[in-house]
Amino acid sequence: MERTTTRPWDPADHLTSTEDAVAYLDAALEAGEPQLVAAVLGDIARAAGMTEIAAASGLGRESLYKSLSINGNPGLTTVLKVIEALGLRLRVSPAAGISAAPAGKLR
């Protein structure tokens, strides 16, 4: 039987455009899993250059690696600073199939 050779797969190696990063982060946000969103944001930051993102965001590089991992738990301030440093922005839109806000307070 032949031995199979494997090598680690790193999503950061495949993020080559802003469109790739936006689609990847959008899919993670849609999944609704905070740990996944943190890890995906970390992948995007690594693809862009973590040192550059740390400098642009005013955050420590090592702390970014830690908080933007699958086991990380970045605060909203960190997330927003990293998104801004990446040249991205978050937008909010109504969820599909939702016609009114909770308890109908917003219209």
C-alpha atoms as a PDB file:
ATOM      1  CA  MET A   1       0.000   0.000   0.000  1.00  0.00           C
ATOM      2  CA  GLU A   2       1.327   3.444  -0.937  1.00  0.00           C
ATOM      3  CA  ARG A   3       1.829   5.973   1.792  1.00  0.00           C
ATOM      4  CA  THR A   4      -0.119   9.146   1.402  1.00  0.00           C
ATOM      5  CA  THR A   5       1.843  12.308   1.934  1.00  0.00           C
ATOM      6  CA  THR A   6      -0.061  15.200   3.411  1.00  0.00           C
ATOM      7  CA  ARG A   7       0.869  18.751   4.194  1.00  0.00           C
ATOM      8  CA  PRO A   8      -0.873  21.382   6.282  1.00  0.00           C
ATOM      9  CA  TRP A   9      -3.463  23.475   4.473  1.00  0.00           C
ATOM     10  CA  ASP A  10      -3.547  27.148   5.363  1.00  0.00           C
ATOM     11  CA  PRO A  11      -6.488  29.236   4.143  1.00  0.00           C
ATOM     12  CA  ALA A  12      -4.305  32.366   4.305  1.00  0.00           C
ATOM     13  CA  ASP A  13      -2.300  30.974   1.382  1.00  0.00           C
ATOM     14  CA  HIS A  14      -5.421  31.057  -0.793  1.00  0.00           C
ATOM     15  CA  LEU A  15      -6.725  34.532   0.018  1.00  0.00           C
ATOM     16  CA  THR A  16      -5.322  36.506  -2.884  1.00  0.00           C
ATOM     17  CA  SER A  17      -7.828  39.344  -3.279  1.00  0.00           C
ATOM     18  CA  THR A  18     -10.121  41.583  -1.296  1.00  0.00           C
ATOM     19  CA  GLU A  19     -13.060  39.762  -2.877  1.00  0.00           C
ATOM     20  CA  ASP A  20     -11.743  36.439  -1.519  1.00  0.00           C
ATOM     21  CA  ALA A  21     -11.423  37.929   1.973  1.00  0.00           C
ATOM     22  CA  VAL A  22     -14.897  39.486   1.861  1.00  0.00           C
ATOM     23  CA  ALA A  23     -16.534  36.235   0.717  1.00  0.00           C
ATOM     24  CA  TYR A  24     -14.658  34.205   3.341  1.00  0.00           C
ATOM     25  CA  LEU A  25     -15.570  36.568   6.203  1.00  0.00           C
ATOM     26  CA  ASP A  26     -19.155  36.890   4.992  1.00  0.00           C
ATOM     27  CA  ALA A  27     -19.558  33.094   5.021  1.00  0.00           C
ATOM     28  CA  ALA A  28     -18.146  32.921   8.559  1.00  0.00           C
ATOM     29  CA  LEU A  29     -20.497  35.668   9.753  1.00  0.00           C
ATOM     30  CA  GLU A  30     -23.425  33.892   8.148  1.00  0.00           C
ATOM     31  CA  ALA A  31     -22.527  30.689  10.008  1.00  0.00           C
ATOM     32  CA  GLY A  32     -22.958  32.639  13.228  1.00  0.00           C
ATOM     33  CA  GLU A  33     -20.151  30.948  15.165  1.00  0.00           C
ATOM     34  CA  PRO A  34     -18.027  33.537  17.036  1.00  0.00           C
ATOM     35  CA  GLN A  35     -14.958  31.288  17.201  1.00  0.00           C
ATOM     36  CA  LEU A  36     -15.127  30.688  13.456  1.00  0.00           C
ATOM     37  CA  VAL A  37     -15.428  34.424  12.779  1.00  0.00           C
ATOM     38  CA  ALA A  38     -12.353  35.088  14.947  1.00  0.00           C
ATOM     39  CA  ALA A  39     -10.337  32.383  13.194  1.00  0.00           C
ATOM     40  CA  VAL A  40     -11.382  33.565   9.719  1.00  0.00           C
ATOM     41  CA  LEU A  41     -10.477  37.142  10.608  1.00  0.00           C
ATOM     42  CA  GLY A  42      -7.106  35.797  11.755  1.00  0.00           C
ATOM     43  CA  ASP A  43      -6.625  33.953   8.443  1.00  0.00           C
ATOM     44  CA  ILE A  44      -7.387  37.153   6.536  1.00  0.00           C
ATOM     45  CA  ALA A  45      -5.032  39.196   8.731  1.00  0.00           C
ATOM     46  CA  ARG A  46      -2.241  36.641   8.203  1.00  0.00           C
ATOM     47  CA  ALA A  47      -2.812  36.747   4.442  1.00  0.00           C
ATOM     48  CA  ALA A  48      -2.564  40.538   4.533  1.00  0.00           C
ATOM     49  CA  GLY A  49       0.469  40.465   6.817  1.00  0.00           C
ATOM     50  CA  MET A  50      -0.080  40.281  10.557  1.00  0.00           C
ATOM     51  CA  THR A  51       2.765  42.710  11.293  1.00  0.00           C
ATOM     52  CA  GLU A  52       1.211  45.318   9.014  1.00  0.00           C
ATOM     53  CA  ILE A  53      -2.276  44.753  10.454  1.00  0.00           C
ATOM     54  CA  ALA A  54      -0.933  45.054  13.997  1.00  0.00           C
ATOM     55  CA  ALA A  55       0.795  48.336  13.158  1.00  0.00           C
ATOM     56  CA  ALA A  56      -2.240  49.757  11.337  1.00  0.00           C
ATOM     57  CA  SER A  57      -4.633  48.757  14.115  1.00  0.00           C
ATOM     58  CA  GLY A  58      -2.405  49.813  17.000  1.00  0.00           C
ATOM     59  CA  LEU A  59      -2.670  46.332  18.504  1.00  0.00           C
ATOM     60  CA  GLY A  60       0.095  43.908  19.443  1.00  0.00           C
ATOM     61  CA  ARG A  61       0.994  41.302  16.838  1.00  0.00           C
ATOM     62  CA  GLU A  62       1.242  38.441  19.329  1.00  0.00           C
ATOM     63  CA  SER A  63      -2.052  39.358  20.969  1.00  0.00           C
ATOM     64  CA  LEU A  64      -3.681  39.408  17.524  1.00  0.00           C
ATOM     65  CA  TYR A  65      -2.387  35.927  16.745  1.00  0.00           C
ATOM     66  CA  LYS A  66      -3.837  34.725  20.042  1.00  0.00           C
ATOM     67  CA  SER A  67      -7.204  36.484  19.901  1.00  0.00           C
ATOM     68  CA  LEU A  68      -7.770  35.803  16.185  1.00  0.00           C
ATOM     69  CA  SER A  69      -7.484  32.046  16.486  1.00  0.00           C
ATOM     70  CA  ILE A  70     -10.086  29.306  16.780  1.00  0.00           C
ATOM     71  CA  ASN A  71      -9.579  29.449  20.570  1.00  0.00           C
ATOM     72  CA  GLY A  72      -9.474  33.239  20.710  1.00  0.00           C
ATOM     73  CA  ASN A  73     -12.156  35.552  21.966  1.00  0.00           C
ATOM     74  CA  PRO A  74     -11.467  39.018  20.582  1.00  0.00           C
ATOM     75  CA  GLY A  75     -13.416  41.951  21.887  1.00  0.00           C
ATOM     76  CA  LEU A  76     -15.525  44.063  19.579  1.00  0.00           C
ATOM     77  CA  THR A  77     -12.899  46.826  19.676  1.00  0.00           C
ATOM     78  CA  THR A  78     -10.254  44.402  18.389  1.00  0.00           C
ATOM     79  CA  VAL A  79     -12.540  43.088  15.648  1.00  0.00           C
ATOM     80  CA  LEU A  80     -13.427  46.582  14.464  1.00  0.00           C
ATOM     81  CA  LYS A  81      -9.803  47.773  14.510  1.00  0.00           C
ATOM     82  CA  VAL A  82      -8.651  44.751  12.505  1.00  0.00           C
ATOM     83  CA  ILE A  83     -11.459  45.127   9.987  1.00  0.00           C
ATOM     84  CA  GLU A  84     -10.563  48.789   9.533  1.00  0.00           C
ATOM     85  CA  ALA A  85      -6.844  47.942   9.210  1.00  0.00           C
ATOM     86  CA  LEU A  86      -7.767  45.450   6.479  1.00  0.00           C
ATOM     87  CA  GLY A  87      -9.565  48.208   4.590  1.00  0.00           C
ATOM     88  CA  LEU A  88     -12.937  46.544   5.123  1.00  0.00           C
ATOM     89  CA  ARG A  89     -16.132  47.574   6.905  1.00  0.00           C
ATOM     90  CA  LEU A  90     -19.054  45.737   8.403  1.00  0.00           C
ATOM     91  CA  ARG A  91     -22.559  46.373   7.127  1.00  0.00           C
ATOM     92  CA  VAL A  92     -25.846  45.273   8.579  1.00  0.00           C
ATOM     93  CA  SER A  93     -28.876  44.142   6.612  1.00  0.00           C
ATOM     94  CA  PRO A  94     -32.140  42.451   7.535  1.00  0.00           C
ATOM     95  CA  ALA A  95     -31.908  38.694   7.816  1.00  0.00           C
ATOM     96  CA  ALA A  96     -33.594  36.758   5.041  1.00  0.00           C
ATOM     97  CA  GLY A  97     -37.173  35.902   5.908  1.00  0.00           C
ATOM     98  CA  ILE A  98     -37.363  38.374   8.791  1.00  0.00           C
ATOM     99  CA  SER A  99     -40.099  40.955   8.279  1.00  0.00           C
ATOM    100  CA  ALA A 100     -40.044  42.711  11.657  1.00  0.00           C
ATOM    101  CA  ALA A 101     -37.699  43.369  14.541  1.00  0.00           C
ATOM    102  CA  PRO A 102     -38.193  41.467  17.806  1.00  0.00           C
ATOM    103  CA  ALA A 103     -41.571  42.309  19.339  1.00  0.00           C
ATOM    104  CA  GLY A 104     -42.322  44.475  16.313  1.00  0.00           C
ATOM    105  CA  LYS A 105     -40.731  47.571  17.882  1.00  0.00           C
ATOM    106  CA  LEU A 106     -38.845  48.657  14.761  1.00  0.00           C
ATOM    107  CA  ARG A 107     -40.439  49.044  11.380  1.00  0.00           C
END
